[in-house]
C-alpha atoms as a PDB file:
ATOM      1  CA  UNK A   1       0.000   0.000   0.000  1.00  0.00           C
ATOM      2  CA  UNK A   2       2.921   2.316   0.617  1.00  0.00           C
ATOM      3  CA  UNK A   3       4.091   2.038  -3.014  1.00  0.00           C
ATOM      4  CA  UNK A   4       0.588   2.872  -4.273  1.00  0.00           C
ATOM      5  CA  UNK A   5       0.431   5.874  -1.946  1.00  0.00           C
ATOM      6  CA  UNK A   6       3.828   7.153  -3.141  1.00  0.00           C
ATOM      7  CA  UNK A   7       2.854   6.700  -6.796  1.00  0.00           C
ATOM      8  CA  UNK A   8      -0.430   8.523  -6.253  1.00  0.00           C
ATOM      9  CA  UNK A   9       1.351  11.387  -4.457  1.00  0.00           C
ATOM     10  CA  UNK A  10       3.896  11.617  -7.299  1.00  0.00           C
ATOM     11  CA  UNK A  11       1.171  11.809  -9.959  1.00  0.00           C
ATOM     12  CA  UNK A  12      -0.853  14.394  -8.036  1.00  0.00           C
ATOM     13  CA  UNK A  13       2.114  16.636  -7.109  1.00  0.00           C
ATOM     14  CA  UNK A  14       2.586  19.712  -9.281  1.00  0.00           C
ATOM     15  CA  UNK A  15       6.265  20.290  -8.527  1.00  0.00           C
ATOM     16  CA  UNK A  16       7.549  18.349 -11.541  1.00  0.00           C
ATOM     17  CA  UNK A  17       5.409  20.057 -14.206  1.00  0.00           C
ATOM     18  CA  UNK A  18       6.122  23.446 -12.663  1.00  0.00           C
ATOM     19  CA  UNK A  19       9.876  22.869 -12.931  1.00  0.00           C
ATOM     20  CA  UNK A  20       9.476  21.779 -16.544  1.00  0.00           C
ATOM     21  CA  UNK A  21       7.415  24.872 -17.339  1.00  0.00           C
ATOM     22  CA  UNK A  22      10.084  27.116 -15.828  1.00  0.00           C
ATOM     23  CA  UNK A  23      12.785  25.316 -17.815  1.00  0.00           C
ATOM     24  CA  UNK A  24      10.852  25.801 -21.060  1.00  0.00           C
ATOM     25  CA  UNK A  25      10.263  29.489 -20.299  1.00  0.00           C
ATOM     26  CA  UNK A  26      13.953  29.966 -19.497  1.00  0.00           C
ATOM     27  CA  UNK A  27      14.958  28.266 -22.748  1.00  0.00           C
ATOM     28  CA  UNK A  28      12.612  30.508 -24.750  1.00  0.00           C
ATOM     29  CA  UNK A  29      13.914  33.636 -23.019  1.00  0.00           C
ATOM     30  CA  UNK A  30      17.502  32.611 -23.766  1.00  0.00           C
ATOM     31  CA  UNK A  31      16.668  31.985 -27.427  1.00  0.00           C
ATOM     32  CA  UNK A  32      14.999  35.398 -27.761  1.00  0.00           C
ATOM     33  CA  UNK A  33      17.949  37.112 -26.054  1.00  0.00           C
ATOM     34  CA  UNK A  34      20.462  35.399 -28.334  1.00  0.00           C
ATOM     35  CA  UNK A  35      18.462  36.360 -31.418  1.00  0.00           C
ATOM     36  CA  UNK A  36      18.242  39.986 -30.248  1.00  0.00           C
ATOM     37  CA  UNK A  37      21.965  40.125 -29.476  1.00  0.00           C
ATOM     38  CA  UNK A  38      22.811  38.661 -32.887  1.00  0.00           C
ATOM     39  CA  UNK A  39      20.562  41.190 -34.623  1.00  0.00           C
ATOM     40  CA  UNK A  40      22.007  44.151 -32.717  1.00  0.00           C
ATOM     41  CA  UNK A  41      25.537  42.880 -33.371  1.00  0.00           C
ATOM     42  CA  UNK A  42      24.895  42.646 -37.098  1.00  0.00           C
ATOM     43  CA  UNK A  43      23.419  46.140 -37.200  1.00  0.00           C
ATOM     44  CA  UNK A  44      26.319  47.555 -35.189  1.00  0.00           C
ATOM     45  CA  UNK A  45      28.819  45.890 -37.500  1.00  0.00           C
ATOM     46  CA  UNK A  46      27.085  47.400 -40.522  1.00  0.00           C
ATOM     47  CA  UNK A  47      27.099  50.843 -38.913  1.00  0.00           C
ATOM     48  CA  UNK A  48      30.790  50.662 -38.017  1.00  0.00           C
ATOM     49  CA  UNK A  49      31.635  49.441 -41.516  1.00  0.00           C
ATOM     50  CA  UNK A  50      29.746  52.385 -43.051  1.00  0.00           C
ATOM     51  CA  UNK A  51      31.448  54.864 -40.709  1.00  0.00           C
ATOM     52  CA  UNK A  52      34.876  53.380 -41.444  1.00  0.00           C
ATOM     53  CA  UNK A  53      34.213  53.569 -45.181  1.00  0.00           C
ATOM     54  CA  UNK A  54      33.071  57.181 -44.990  1.00  0.00           C
ATOM     55  CA  UNK A  55      36.095  58.194 -42.909  1.00  0.00           C
ATOM     56  CA  UNK A  56      38.425  56.407 -45.319  1.00  0.00           C
ATOM     57  CA  UNK A  57      36.793  58.076 -48.334  1.00  0.00           C
ATOM     58  CA  UNK A  58      37.417  61.580 -46.980  1.00  0.00           C
END
């Protein structure tokens, strides 16, 4: 009966799904941050390249 009680408590507990939900949210936040950083880095590189070209052309 103890094994059945432990299994029932495990299936009813919400700690496991909550941890999984937080892990998924953290993964999505990290992906969005990496995409934003990559986009900003590309735009900054383009800007610096344009500035360097205009300074060199003078």
